Amino acid sequence: MNEQPFNPLHGVTLKTIVTELEAHFGFSELGGIINIRCFTHDPSIKSSLKFLRKTPWAREKVEALYIKNQHLFSDK
C-alpha cells in the first residue's frame, strides 16, 4: 500500500533535490532565493546536504522551492 500517494517528495532524496536545484539555478541564484550560508559561502553539494540534514527549517525552504519548481525537473 502506498502510504504517501499525494506527497510530491515521496521517493525523491534530498541529494536529488539539491543537485537538481543547483543545476538549474546555480548556487549564486539559490543563495539569493533562499539566504542560507550553505548556498552563499563556499557552497558545495556535500556541505549543503550536511547542513540541510541538521536544519529542519532550511530543509523545508529548499523542499518548498523544489516543489514550486518541480515542473522544471519532471522530464527526468
N, C-alpha and C. Protein backbone atom coordinates (compact mmCIF):
# COMPACT_ATOMS: atom_id res chain seq x y z
N MET A 1 0.84 -1.19 0.00
CA MET A 1 0.00 0.00 0.00
C MET A 1 0.88 1.25 0.00
N ASN A 2 0.54 2.21 -0.80
CA ASN A 2 1.31 3.46 -0.88
C ASN A 2 0.86 4.38 0.25
N GLU A 3 1.75 4.63 1.19
CA GLU A 3 1.40 5.41 2.37
C GLU A 3 1.37 6.91 2.12
N GLN A 4 1.98 7.40 1.04
CA GLN A 4 2.06 8.82 0.77
C GLN A 4 1.70 9.12 -0.68
N PRO A 5 0.48 8.82 -1.08
CA PRO A 5 0.14 8.97 -2.50
C PRO A 5 0.13 10.40 -3.02
N PHE A 6 -0.02 11.39 -2.16
CA PHE A 6 -0.10 12.78 -2.59
C PHE A 6 1.11 13.62 -2.17
N ASN A 7 2.14 12.97 -1.66
CA ASN A 7 3.35 13.67 -1.25
C ASN A 7 4.25 13.84 -2.48
N PRO A 8 4.43 15.08 -2.95
CA PRO A 8 5.24 15.29 -4.15
C PRO A 8 6.72 14.95 -3.96
N LEU A 9 7.16 14.80 -2.72
CA LEU A 9 8.57 14.48 -2.46
C LEU A 9 8.79 12.99 -2.21
N HIS A 10 7.71 12.21 -2.25
CA HIS A 10 7.84 10.77 -1.99
C HIS A 10 8.79 10.13 -3.00
N GLY A 11 9.83 9.50 -2.50
CA GLY A 11 10.80 8.83 -3.36
C GLY A 11 11.90 9.73 -3.90
N VAL A 12 11.88 11.01 -3.54
CA VAL A 12 12.91 11.94 -4.01
C VAL A 12 13.86 12.21 -2.85
N THR A 13 15.15 11.94 -3.06
CA THR A 13 16.12 12.15 -1.99
C THR A 13 16.51 13.62 -1.89
N LEU A 14 17.00 14.00 -0.73
CA LEU A 14 17.48 15.36 -0.54
C LEU A 14 18.64 15.65 -1.49
N LYS A 15 19.48 14.66 -1.74
CA LYS A 15 20.60 14.84 -2.67
C LYS A 15 20.08 15.16 -4.07
N THR A 16 19.03 14.49 -4.50
CA THR A 16 18.44 14.76 -5.82
C THR A 16 17.88 16.17 -5.87
N ILE A 17 17.20 16.57 -4.80
CA ILE A 17 16.61 17.91 -4.74
C ILE A 17 17.69 18.98 -4.86
N VAL A 18 18.72 18.88 -4.04
CA VAL A 18 19.79 19.89 -4.04
C VAL A 18 20.54 19.88 -5.37
N THR A 19 20.82 18.71 -5.89
CA THR A 19 21.56 18.60 -7.15
C THR A 19 20.77 19.22 -8.30
N GLU A 20 19.48 18.94 -8.38
CA GLU A 20 18.67 19.49 -9.46
C GLU A 20 18.46 20.99 -9.33
N LEU A 21 18.26 21.47 -8.10
CA LEU A 21 18.13 22.91 -7.90
C LEU A 21 19.42 23.62 -8.26
N GLU A 22 20.55 23.07 -7.85
CA GLU A 22 21.84 23.70 -8.15
C GLU A 22 22.11 23.68 -9.66
N ALA A 23 21.77 22.59 -10.32
CA ALA A 23 21.99 22.50 -11.76
C ALA A 23 21.14 23.52 -12.52
N HIS A 24 19.94 23.76 -12.03
CA HIS A 24 19.06 24.71 -12.72
C HIS A 24 19.37 26.16 -12.36
N PHE A 25 19.46 26.45 -11.06
CA PHE A 25 19.63 27.83 -10.61
C PHE A 25 21.08 28.23 -10.40
N GLY A 26 21.93 27.30 -9.97
CA GLY A 26 23.29 27.62 -9.55
C GLY A 26 23.27 28.09 -8.11
N PHE A 27 24.39 27.93 -7.42
CA PHE A 27 24.44 28.31 -6.01
C PHE A 27 24.23 29.81 -5.80
N SER A 28 24.72 30.62 -6.70
CA SER A 28 24.58 32.06 -6.55
C SER A 28 23.10 32.47 -6.52
N GLU A 29 22.34 31.97 -7.48
CA GLU A 29 20.91 32.30 -7.51
C GLU A 29 20.15 31.64 -6.36
N LEU A 30 20.52 30.41 -6.02
CA LEU A 30 19.88 29.73 -4.88
C LEU A 30 20.08 30.55 -3.60
N GLY A 31 21.29 31.08 -3.42
CA GLY A 31 21.57 31.90 -2.25
C GLY A 31 20.75 33.18 -2.23
N GLY A 32 20.39 33.68 -3.40
CA GLY A 32 19.54 34.85 -3.47
C GLY A 32 18.08 34.52 -3.18
N ILE A 33 17.65 33.32 -3.58
CA ILE A 33 16.27 32.91 -3.34
C ILE A 33 16.08 32.48 -1.89
N ILE A 34 17.01 31.67 -1.40
CA ILE A 34 16.98 31.19 -0.01
C ILE A 34 18.30 31.60 0.62
N ASN A 35 18.27 32.60 1.44
CA ASN A 35 19.50 33.15 2.03
C ASN A 35 19.97 32.30 3.20
N ILE A 36 20.68 31.22 2.86
CA ILE A 36 21.31 30.39 3.88
C ILE A 36 22.77 30.20 3.50
N ARG A 37 23.63 30.14 4.51
CA ARG A 37 25.07 30.14 4.30
C ARG A 37 25.57 29.01 3.42
N CYS A 38 24.90 27.86 3.47
CA CYS A 38 25.39 26.72 2.68
C CYS A 38 25.27 26.99 1.18
N PHE A 39 24.49 28.01 0.78
CA PHE A 39 24.38 28.40 -0.61
C PHE A 39 25.17 29.67 -0.92
N THR A 40 25.53 30.44 0.08
CA THR A 40 26.16 31.74 -0.16
C THR A 40 27.65 31.79 0.17
N HIS A 41 28.14 30.91 1.01
CA HIS A 41 29.55 30.95 1.43
C HIS A 41 30.23 29.61 1.15
N ASP A 42 31.08 29.59 0.14
CA ASP A 42 31.83 28.39 -0.25
C ASP A 42 30.90 27.17 -0.41
N PRO A 43 29.90 27.28 -1.30
CA PRO A 43 28.90 26.22 -1.42
C PRO A 43 29.39 24.97 -2.14
N SER A 44 28.84 23.85 -1.73
CA SER A 44 29.04 22.58 -2.42
C SER A 44 27.83 21.71 -2.12
N ILE A 45 27.62 20.71 -2.94
CA ILE A 45 26.51 19.79 -2.71
C ILE A 45 26.70 19.11 -1.35
N LYS A 46 27.91 18.63 -1.09
CA LYS A 46 28.19 17.89 0.15
C LYS A 46 27.93 18.74 1.39
N SER A 47 28.44 19.96 1.41
CA SER A 47 28.25 20.81 2.59
C SER A 47 26.79 21.23 2.74
N SER A 48 26.11 21.45 1.63
CA SER A 48 24.70 21.81 1.68
C SER A 48 23.87 20.67 2.25
N LEU A 49 24.15 19.44 1.81
CA LEU A 49 23.42 18.29 2.34
C LEU A 49 23.64 18.12 3.83
N LYS A 50 24.88 18.30 4.26
CA LYS A 50 25.20 18.17 5.69
C LYS A 50 24.41 19.19 6.51
N PHE A 51 24.38 20.44 6.05
CA PHE A 51 23.65 21.49 6.76
C PHE A 51 22.14 21.23 6.73
N LEU A 52 21.61 20.91 5.58
CA LEU A 52 20.16 20.74 5.45
C LEU A 52 19.63 19.54 6.23
N ARG A 53 20.44 18.51 6.37
CA ARG A 53 20.02 17.34 7.15
C ARG A 53 19.93 17.66 8.64
N LYS A 54 20.69 18.65 9.09
CA LYS A 54 20.69 19.04 10.51
C LYS A 54 19.75 20.19 10.82
N THR A 55 19.22 20.87 9.79
CA THR A 55 18.49 22.11 9.98
C THR A 55 17.11 22.03 9.32
N PRO A 56 16.10 21.59 10.08
CA PRO A 56 14.77 21.36 9.50
C PRO A 56 14.14 22.59 8.83
N TRP A 57 14.30 23.78 9.40
CA TRP A 57 13.66 24.96 8.80
C TRP A 57 14.26 25.27 7.43
N ALA A 58 15.57 25.07 7.28
CA ALA A 58 16.22 25.33 5.99
C ALA A 58 15.83 24.25 4.97
N ARG A 59 15.77 23.02 5.43
CA ARG A 59 15.36 21.93 4.54
C ARG A 59 13.94 22.16 4.02
N GLU A 60 13.05 22.62 4.88
CA GLU A 60 11.68 22.90 4.46
C GLU A 60 11.64 23.96 3.36
N LYS A 61 12.48 24.97 3.47
CA LYS A 61 12.53 26.02 2.44
C LYS A 61 13.04 25.47 1.11
N VAL A 62 14.04 24.62 1.17
CA VAL A 62 14.60 24.03 -0.04
C VAL A 62 13.58 23.09 -0.69
N GLU A 63 12.91 22.28 0.14
CA GLU A 63 11.90 21.37 -0.39
C GLU A 63 10.73 22.14 -1.00
N ALA A 64 10.33 23.24 -0.38
CA ALA A 64 9.24 24.07 -0.92
C ALA A 64 9.63 24.67 -2.26
N LEU A 65 10.87 25.11 -2.40
CA LEU A 65 11.34 25.65 -3.68
C LEU A 65 11.33 24.56 -4.74
N TYR A 66 11.75 23.37 -4.38
CA TYR A 66 11.75 22.25 -5.32
C TYR A 66 10.33 21.93 -5.78
N ILE A 67 9.39 21.87 -4.84
CA ILE A 67 8.00 21.57 -5.19
C ILE A 67 7.43 22.66 -6.10
N LYS A 68 7.72 23.90 -5.77
CA LYS A 68 7.22 25.04 -6.56
C LYS A 68 7.74 24.97 -8.00
N ASN A 69 8.94 24.46 -8.18
CA ASN A 69 9.57 24.41 -9.50
C ASN A 69 9.69 22.99 -10.04
N GLN A 70 8.92 22.07 -9.49
CA GLN A 70 9.02 20.66 -9.86
C GLN A 70 8.79 20.44 -11.36
N HIS A 71 7.99 21.27 -11.97
CA HIS A 71 7.74 21.13 -13.41
C HIS A 71 9.02 21.25 -14.23
N LEU A 72 10.03 21.92 -13.69
CA LEU A 72 11.30 22.07 -14.39
C LEU A 72 12.09 20.76 -14.40
N PHE A 73 11.81 19.88 -13.44
CA PHE A 73 12.59 18.67 -13.28
C PHE A 73 11.82 17.41 -13.65
N SER A 74 10.57 17.53 -14.04
CA SER A 74 9.72 16.35 -14.27
C SER A 74 10.10 15.56 -15.52
N ASP A 75 10.92 16.11 -16.39
CA ASP A 75 11.30 15.41 -17.62
C ASP A 75 12.29 14.27 -17.36
N LYS A 76 12.88 14.26 -16.20
CA LYS A 76 13.93 13.26 -15.90
C LYS A 76 13.36 11.96 -15.43
